[in-house]
C-alpha cells in the first residue's frame, strides 16, 4: 500500500499520472491532486510512505510537471537535471600537465551535426551544476560543454596559486584547443562573461552569449561607478583583513554558512523561488574543499583584470536581468552593453524584466525563449 501526501495552498485539480515525470517511480498511482498552474513548469517535493508486512519505508520523490495547455514553446521550457546526475557524468582534463579540470559534455541524437558546440562558463562561486536548468534543454540541439574554472567546483584549487582573469582566459582557450577542437559559442555568466569576452577574437570562438557580465574578477574593476568609488575604502579594508589568515578563515566560514549564502542569493535573484536548497548546496559544497579559502582570498584581493568595456568584444547577444544589484543597467558596464546595439550591427541586447544577476538559473525559461531562436537563426538550421 502506498500513501501519497501533497501539501498545497493553491486551488487544485486532478491530472493523470501520464503527464508527470517521477524521479523515483515506485508505487502505482492513477492520479494526483496538484496546485492549479497557468503556464509554468513546476517542480515540487512529495513524500510517500510504503507499507507491507516486512517493512515501513519513507522516501522523498521529485516530480516535474509541465502544463501542456500553456500554449508556449515547449523547447524553451527548463529541463532540470539532477545534481548527482551531472556530477556522475563529468570528466577530468589535465591542464598544463598538472591541474585537474572538471568538465561535462552532453548531447543527444537530435543534436544538429553542423551546429557549433556550446561552452558554459559559470560565475564567481558557482560551478557546472549551476547550469542544471539549461544543459538538458540546450543539449536537445547542441553538443554542450560546461567547465569548472580552476579554483571552483570539482576542479583543482592549488595552494598558493594566484588567480587572474588572464589565467582563466588561457584555461578556456586551451580547453577549446585540446578538448572541444571546434569553433564554439561561449555562454558566460558574471565573471564567465568577462572570460568569454576576452576570448572573442580567437578563431576557436564562433559566437558569444553574455548573461549579466561582471565588471572584472572583482568589483574594483568598475572604478567609474560612483557606487564603487564610495565603497573603495571599504573594499581596500576588506582586502587588508582577508590577507590576515585567521581573519580570512573566520570571514569565509561565515560566508559559506547556509543561511548566509541563502540571503546573498536571495539578494541577487529576481525570482526568489529559484533560490532553493539545491542551489545553496551547489554553492556551499565546493567551498568546504581544501584550497577553497585560498581561492576565495586570491580572487577577492587580487588584481581585477580587464573589464568588458576595455575588451571591446565582438559580442553576438547579451541577455541582461534588470534587477541585477552587482552590475545594474544604469552602471558603467550596463550602460556600455546597452549602447552596443546602436554601434555594432551584429550585437543584440535583450533586457529580461524581473531577473537578477544569474538569468540562466533565475528564469531559465526566459533565457531559452530568447536564446534558442537566436542560435537557430544565427547558425542557419
Protein backbone atom coordinates (compact mmCIF):
# COMPACT_ATOMS: atom_id res chain seq x y z
CA UNK A 1 0.00 0.00 0.00
CA UNK A 2 1.31 3.46 -0.84
CA UNK A 3 0.07 6.65 0.78
CA UNK A 4 0.88 9.83 -1.21
CA UNK A 5 0.74 13.18 0.57
CA UNK A 6 0.99 16.59 -1.10
CA UNK A 7 0.69 19.86 0.79
CA UNK A 8 -0.65 22.72 -1.33
CA UNK A 9 -2.14 26.09 -0.53
CA UNK A 10 -3.37 26.90 -4.02
CA UNK A 11 -6.59 25.60 -5.66
CA UNK A 12 -6.06 22.09 -7.01
CA UNK A 13 -7.24 19.67 -9.63
CA UNK A 14 -6.71 16.08 -10.70
CA UNK A 15 -4.40 15.24 -13.60
CA UNK A 16 -3.45 11.81 -14.94
CA UNK A 17 -0.11 10.31 -13.94
CA UNK A 18 0.96 10.17 -17.60
CA UNK A 19 1.53 13.94 -17.55
CA UNK A 20 4.13 13.64 -14.79
CA UNK A 21 7.79 12.66 -14.75
CA UNK A 22 8.51 10.89 -11.47
CA UNK A 23 12.10 10.89 -10.27
CA UNK A 24 11.69 7.61 -8.37
CA UNK A 25 8.84 5.65 -9.90
CA UNK A 26 7.75 3.43 -7.03
CA UNK A 27 4.07 2.78 -6.48
CA UNK A 28 1.08 2.63 -8.79
CA UNK A 29 -0.90 5.88 -8.84
CA UNK A 30 -3.69 6.83 -11.26
CA UNK A 31 -3.94 10.49 -10.37
CA UNK A 32 -2.63 13.20 -8.07
CA UNK A 33 -4.14 16.38 -6.70
CA UNK A 34 -1.84 19.26 -7.60
CA UNK A 35 -1.91 23.04 -7.22
CA UNK A 36 -3.52 24.66 -10.24
CA UNK A 37 -0.97 26.32 -12.54
CA UNK A 38 -1.38 28.57 -15.55
CA UNK A 39 1.54 28.36 -17.94
CA UNK A 40 4.66 27.44 -15.99
CA UNK A 41 6.73 24.33 -15.49
CA UNK A 42 6.76 23.39 -11.84
CA UNK A 43 8.80 21.06 -9.65
CA UNK A 44 7.85 20.03 -6.16
CA UNK A 45 8.72 17.52 -3.49
CA UNK A 46 6.22 15.00 -2.22
CA UNK A 47 6.58 12.23 0.29
CA UNK A 48 5.14 8.76 0.22
CA UNK A 49 5.07 6.02 2.83
CA UNK A 50 5.11 2.43 1.62
CA UNK A 51 3.90 -0.25 3.99
CA UNK A 52 3.95 -4.04 3.78
CA UNK A 53 4.28 -6.88 6.24
CA UNK A 54 8.07 -6.77 6.41
CA UNK A 55 8.99 -3.06 6.47
CA UNK A 56 8.00 0.56 6.60
CA UNK A 57 9.72 2.96 4.27
CA UNK A 58 9.56 6.74 3.84
CA UNK A 59 11.11 8.32 0.77
CA UNK A 60 11.31 11.68 -0.97
CA UNK A 61 10.37 11.79 -4.63
CA UNK A 62 10.95 14.62 -7.10
CA UNK A 63 8.28 15.25 -9.72
CA UNK A 64 8.41 17.70 -12.61
CA UNK A 65 5.12 18.92 -14.12
CA UNK A 66 4.57 20.98 -17.24
CA UNK A 67 1.14 22.34 -18.04
CA UNK A 68 0.59 21.18 -21.63
CA UNK A 69 -2.25 23.67 -22.11
CA UNK A 70 0.02 26.68 -21.72
CA UNK A 71 0.37 27.10 -25.46
CA UNK A 72 4.04 28.11 -25.06
CA UNK A 73 7.05 26.77 -26.87
CA UNK A 74 7.99 23.53 -25.16
CA UNK A 75 11.57 23.89 -26.42
CA UNK A 76 12.06 26.93 -24.20
CA UNK A 77 10.95 25.17 -21.00
CA UNK A 78 13.63 24.39 -18.45
CA UNK A 79 14.57 20.71 -18.34
CA UNK A 80 16.25 20.42 -14.96
CA UNK A 81 18.93 17.80 -14.37
CA UNK A 82 19.68 16.27 -11.00
CA UNK A 83 22.95 17.47 -9.48
CA UNK A 84 24.15 13.90 -8.88
CA UNK A 85 23.39 13.06 -12.50
CA UNK A 86 25.58 15.96 -13.61
CA UNK A 87 28.44 15.05 -11.29
CA UNK A 88 28.43 11.41 -12.33
CA UNK A 89 28.66 12.46 -15.99
CA UNK A 90 31.66 14.76 -15.54
CA UNK A 91 35.18 14.03 -16.73
CA UNK A 92 38.64 15.31 -15.81
CA UNK A 93 41.09 17.05 -18.14
CA UNK A 94 44.69 17.78 -17.21
CA UNK A 95 45.58 21.41 -17.87
CA UNK A 96 49.27 22.20 -18.35
CA UNK A 97 50.00 18.67 -17.23
CA UNK A 98 49.36 19.48 -13.58
CA UNK A 99 45.87 20.87 -12.85
CA UNK A 100 42.79 18.64 -12.93
CA UNK A 101 39.88 20.48 -14.54
CA UNK A 102 36.35 19.14 -14.18
CA UNK A 103 34.10 19.33 -17.24
CA UNK A 104 30.90 17.95 -18.70
CA UNK A 105 29.88 17.16 -22.27
CA UNK A 106 26.25 16.46 -23.12
CA UNK A 107 24.46 15.82 -26.40
CA UNK A 108 21.52 13.88 -27.82
CA UNK A 109 20.93 12.00 -31.09
CA UNK A 110 18.96 15.06 -32.23
CA UNK A 111 21.93 17.42 -31.89
CA UNK A 112 22.50 19.02 -35.29
CA UNK A 113 25.89 17.84 -36.69
CA UNK A 114 26.63 21.19 -38.32
CA UNK A 115 25.79 23.32 -35.30
CA UNK A 116 28.65 24.71 -33.20
CA UNK A 117 29.18 23.29 -29.71
CA UNK A 118 28.30 25.46 -26.72
CA UNK A 119 30.63 26.04 -23.76
CA UNK A 120 29.03 27.22 -20.50
CA UNK A 121 31.19 29.40 -18.22
CA UNK A 122 29.94 29.89 -14.66
CA UNK A 123 30.36 32.92 -12.41
CA UNK A 124 32.09 33.57 -9.08
CA UNK A 125 31.45 30.84 -6.50
CA UNK A 126 29.44 28.70 -8.93
CA UNK A 127 30.21 25.51 -10.85
CA UNK A 128 28.81 23.21 -13.54
CA UNK A 129 25.61 22.30 -11.61
CA UNK A 130 24.62 25.98 -11.68
CA UNK A 131 23.64 25.21 -15.30
CA UNK A 132 21.40 22.28 -14.27
CA UNK A 133 18.32 24.08 -15.63
CA UNK A 134 19.94 24.73 -19.02
CA UNK A 135 22.10 21.76 -20.04
CA UNK A 136 19.22 19.38 -20.84
CA UNK A 137 17.34 21.94 -22.93
CA UNK A 138 20.40 23.13 -24.88
CA UNK A 139 21.64 19.57 -25.46
CA UNK A 140 18.49 18.78 -27.45
CA UNK A 141 20.04 20.62 -30.41
CA UNK A 142 23.69 21.19 -29.50
CA UNK A 143 26.69 19.46 -28.04
CA UNK A 144 27.02 21.24 -24.71
CA UNK A 145 30.24 21.57 -22.73
CA UNK A 146 30.46 23.04 -19.24
CA UNK A 147 33.60 23.57 -17.20
CA UNK A 148 34.57 24.24 -13.59
CA UNK A 149 37.10 27.06 -13.62
CA UNK A 150 40.31 26.43 -11.72
CA UNK A 151 39.57 27.18 -8.07
CA UNK A 152 35.86 26.31 -8.30
CA UNK A 153 33.61 23.28 -8.27
CA UNK A 154 35.43 19.95 -8.56
CA UNK A 155 38.46 21.43 -10.35
CA UNK A 156 41.78 21.75 -8.54
CA UNK A 157 42.29 24.55 -6.03
CA UNK A 158 46.10 24.63 -5.90
CA UNK A 159 47.75 26.11 -2.82
CA UNK A 160 49.49 29.42 -3.46
CA UNK A 161 48.03 29.86 -6.94
CA UNK A 162 47.41 33.47 -7.98
CA UNK A 163 44.10 33.67 -9.81
CA UNK A 164 43.76 36.17 -12.64
CA UNK A 165 41.32 36.81 -15.46
CA UNK A 166 44.15 36.24 -17.92
CA UNK A 167 44.88 32.82 -16.40
CA UNK A 168 41.26 31.71 -16.68
CA UNK A 169 41.10 33.01 -20.25
CA UNK A 170 44.13 30.89 -21.16
CA UNK A 171 42.49 27.89 -19.48
CA UNK A 172 39.42 28.28 -21.70
CA UNK A 173 41.48 28.79 -24.84
CA UNK A 174 43.47 25.61 -24.12
CA UNK A 175 40.26 23.70 -23.37
CA UNK A 176 38.80 24.72 -26.73
CA UNK A 177 42.02 23.73 -28.47
CA UNK A 178 42.62 20.39 -26.74
CA UNK A 179 39.16 19.12 -25.80
CA UNK A 180 36.41 20.71 -27.91
CA UNK A 181 38.51 21.12 -31.06
CA UNK A 182 35.80 23.03 -32.94
CA UNK A 183 34.73 26.68 -33.23
CA UNK A 184 32.47 27.16 -30.23
CA UNK A 185 29.81 29.51 -28.93
CA UNK A 186 30.78 30.70 -25.45
CA UNK A 187 27.96 31.33 -22.98
CA UNK A 188 29.13 33.10 -19.84
CA UNK A 189 27.51 34.45 -16.70
CA UNK A 190 29.07 37.14 -14.49
CA UNK A 191 32.84 36.53 -14.37
CA UNK A 192 32.33 33.85 -17.01
CA UNK A 193 31.07 36.57 -19.35
CA UNK A 194 34.29 38.56 -18.96
CA UNK A 195 36.33 35.44 -19.71
CA UNK A 196 34.20 34.75 -22.78
CA UNK A 197 34.58 38.33 -23.99
CA UNK A 198 38.36 38.20 -23.60
CA UNK A 199 38.48 35.23 -26.00
CA UNK A 200 36.17 36.78 -28.59
CA UNK A 201 38.93 37.40 -31.13
CA UNK A 202 40.14 33.79 -31.14
CA UNK A 203 39.49 31.63 -34.18
CA UNK A 204 38.01 28.89 -31.99
CA UNK A 205 35.22 31.22 -30.83
CA UNK A 206 32.19 31.19 -33.15
CA UNK A 207 29.98 33.49 -31.11
CA UNK A 208 29.33 34.96 -27.66
CA UNK A 209 26.36 34.95 -25.32
CA UNK A 210 26.79 37.12 -22.24
CA UNK A 211 24.44 36.82 -19.27
CA UNK A 212 24.82 39.81 -16.93
CA UNK A 213 28.54 40.31 -17.28
CA UNK A 214 30.62 41.17 -14.25
CA UNK A 215 32.88 44.20 -14.27
CA UNK A 216 36.02 42.12 -13.78
CA UNK A 217 37.37 39.45 -11.44
CA UNK A 218 36.18 41.62 -8.56
CA UNK A 219 34.25 44.88 -8.31
CA UNK A 220 37.35 47.03 -8.00
CA UNK A 221 37.46 46.95 -11.81
CA UNK A 222 34.37 49.17 -12.09
CA UNK A 223 36.03 52.31 -10.74
CA UNK A 224 33.84 54.56 -12.92
CA UNK A 225 30.75 53.58 -10.95
CA UNK A 226 30.07 56.14 -8.19
CA UNK A 227 28.78 53.32 -6.01
CA UNK A 228 32.11 51.51 -6.24
CA UNK A 229 34.02 54.77 -5.65
CA UNK A 230 32.12 55.23 -2.41
CA UNK A 231 32.93 51.67 -1.38
CA UNK A 232 36.59 51.61 -2.43
CA UNK A 233 37.96 52.42 1.05
CA UNK A 234 35.83 49.61 2.46
CA UNK A 235 36.99 47.22 -0.30
CA UNK A 236 40.62 48.04 0.45
CA UNK A 237 40.00 47.46 4.16
CA UNK A 238 38.39 44.09 3.39
CA UNK A 239 41.42 43.20 1.27
CA UNK A 240 43.66 44.01 4.24
CA UNK A 241 41.57 41.84 6.56
CA UNK A 242 41.47 38.93 4.13
CA UNK A 243 45.25 38.88 3.92
CA UNK A 244 45.34 38.04 7.65
CA UNK A 245 44.84 34.26 7.62
CA UNK A 246 42.87 33.87 10.90
CA UNK A 247 40.54 36.73 9.95
CA UNK A 248 40.11 35.42 6.40
CA UNK A 249 39.25 31.98 7.71
CA UNK A 250 36.63 33.38 10.10
CA UNK A 251 35.05 35.53 7.36
CA UNK A 252 34.99 32.64 4.89
CA UNK A 253 33.41 30.32 7.46
CA UNK A 254 30.69 32.89 7.97
CA UNK A 255 30.13 33.49 4.25
CA UNK A 256 29.69 29.81 3.43
CA UNK A 257 27.06 29.17 6.09
CA UNK A 258 23.77 28.03 4.55
CA UNK A 259 21.74 30.95 5.87
CA UNK A 260 24.33 33.50 4.75
CA UNK A 261 24.53 32.00 1.26
CA UNK A 262 20.75 31.86 1.03
CA UNK A 263 20.47 35.56 1.93
CA UNK A 264 23.15 36.50 -0.61
CA UNK A 265 21.42 34.50 -3.34
CA UNK A 266 18.03 35.99 -2.48
CA UNK A 267 19.53 39.46 -2.89
CA UNK A 268 20.78 38.77 -6.43
CA UNK A 269 17.88 36.67 -7.77
CA UNK A 270 14.73 38.31 -9.07
CA UNK A 271 12.75 35.07 -8.91
CA UNK A 272 13.09 34.14 -5.23
CA UNK A 273 11.55 30.71 -5.83
CA UNK A 274 14.69 29.72 -7.74
CA UNK A 275 16.73 30.03 -4.55
CA UNK A 276 16.17 26.52 -3.23
CA UNK A 277 18.21 24.19 -1.03
CA UNK A 278 19.78 22.58 -4.09
CA UNK A 279 21.19 25.93 -5.22
CA UNK A 280 22.54 26.70 -1.74
CA UNK A 281 24.35 23.34 -1.67
CA UNK A 282 25.71 23.84 -5.20
CA UNK A 283 27.49 26.96 -3.94
CA UNK A 284 28.31 25.67 -0.48
CA UNK A 285 29.74 22.21 -1.12
CA UNK A 286 32.86 23.21 -3.13
CA UNK A 287 33.53 25.94 -0.54
CA UNK A 288 34.24 23.21 2.00
CA UNK A 289 37.03 21.67 -0.06
CA UNK A 290 40.73 22.14 0.63
CA UNK A 291 42.06 25.18 -1.20
CA UNK A 292 38.70 26.94 -1.38
CA UNK A 293 39.72 29.56 1.19
CA UNK A 294 42.93 30.36 -0.70
CA UNK A 295 40.97 30.70 -3.95
CA UNK A 296 38.43 33.00 -2.29
CA UNK A 297 41.13 35.28 -0.85
CA UNK A 298 43.17 35.37 -4.06
CA UNK A 299 40.16 36.24 -6.23
CA UNK A 300 38.70 38.90 -3.93
CA UNK A 301 42.01 40.61 -3.15
CA UNK A 302 43.77 40.06 -6.48
CA UNK A 303 44.02 42.36 -9.49
CA UNK A 304 40.57 42.81 -11.05
CA UNK A 305 41.86 42.34 -14.57
CA UNK A 306 40.25 43.91 -17.64
CA UNK A 307 36.60 44.81 -17.53
CA UNK A 308 34.40 44.10 -20.56
CA UNK A 309 34.29 47.79 -21.53
CA UNK A 310 38.04 47.70 -22.13
CA UNK A 311 37.84 44.47 -24.09
CA UNK A 312 35.51 45.90 -26.78
CA UNK A 313 34.41 42.40 -27.81
CA UNK A 314 32.57 41.43 -30.97
CA UNK A 315 29.63 40.25 -28.93
CA UNK A 316 26.75 38.44 -30.55
CA UNK A 317 23.91 38.56 -27.98
CA UNK A 318 23.57 39.95 -24.47
CA UNK A 319 20.81 38.92 -22.07
CA UNK A 320 20.58 41.19 -19.03
CA UNK A 321 18.40 40.87 -15.95
CA UNK A 322 17.15 44.31 -14.97
CA UNK A 323 17.25 43.61 -11.22
CA UNK A 324 20.98 42.91 -11.04
CA UNK A 325 22.49 44.61 -7.95
CA UNK A 326 26.09 43.78 -8.95
CA UNK A 327 26.23 45.24 -12.46
CA UNK A 328 22.97 47.19 -12.84
CA UNK A 329 21.84 48.51 -16.19
CA UNK A 330 22.39 52.09 -15.02
CA UNK A 331 26.01 51.37 -14.05
CA UNK A 332 29.02 51.74 -16.37
CA UNK A 333 29.05 48.11 -17.53
CA UNK A 334 25.27 48.02 -18.03
CA UNK A 335 25.30 51.30 -19.93
CA UNK A 336 28.14 50.07 -22.11
CA UNK A 337 26.28 46.94 -23.17
CA UNK A 338 23.06 48.90 -23.61
CA UNK A 339 24.82 51.18 -26.09
CA UNK A 340 26.38 48.41 -28.20
CA UNK A 341 23.43 47.59 -30.49
CA UNK A 342 23.45 51.16 -31.82
CA UNK A 343 27.17 50.87 -32.59
CA UNK A 344 27.54 47.28 -33.78
CA UNK A 345 25.01 45.71 -36.11
CA UNK A 346 25.91 42.17 -35.01
CA UNK A 347 25.08 42.82 -31.35
CA UNK A 348 21.66 42.13 -29.89
CA UNK A 349 20.64 43.20 -26.37
CA UNK A 350 17.62 41.73 -24.60
CA UNK A 351 16.59 43.03 -21.18
CA UNK A 352 14.83 40.45 -19.01
CA UNK A 353 12.27 42.01 -16.68
CA UNK A 354 12.32 40.95 -13.04
CA UNK A 355 15.52 38.93 -13.42
CA UNK A 356 18.67 39.23 -11.33
CA UNK A 357 22.39 38.55 -11.79
CA UNK A 358 22.07 34.90 -12.88
CA UNK A 359 19.39 34.84 -15.60
CA UNK A 360 20.05 31.24 -16.69
CA UNK A 361 19.16 29.93 -13.24
CA UNK A 362 16.87 32.75 -12.09
CA UNK A 363 14.42 32.45 -15.02
CA UNK A 364 15.79 29.74 -17.36
CA UNK A 365 12.61 29.61 -19.45
CA UNK A 366 13.04 33.29 -20.39
CA UNK A 367 16.66 32.74 -21.35
CA UNK A 368 15.80 29.72 -23.50
CA UNK A 369 12.92 31.59 -25.11
CA UNK A 370 15.33 34.28 -26.35
CA UNK A 371 18.49 32.24 -26.83
CA UNK A 372 17.27 29.20 -28.78
CA UNK A 373 15.71 31.15 -31.69
CA UNK A 374 18.80 33.34 -31.94
CA UNK A 375 21.11 30.29 -32.10
CA UNK A 376 18.92 28.63 -34.74
CA UNK A 377 18.73 31.79 -36.85
CA UNK A 378 22.41 32.69 -36.49
CA UNK A 379 23.71 29.24 -37.46
CA UNK A 380 21.05 28.53 -40.11
CA UNK A 381 19.47 25.25 -39.15
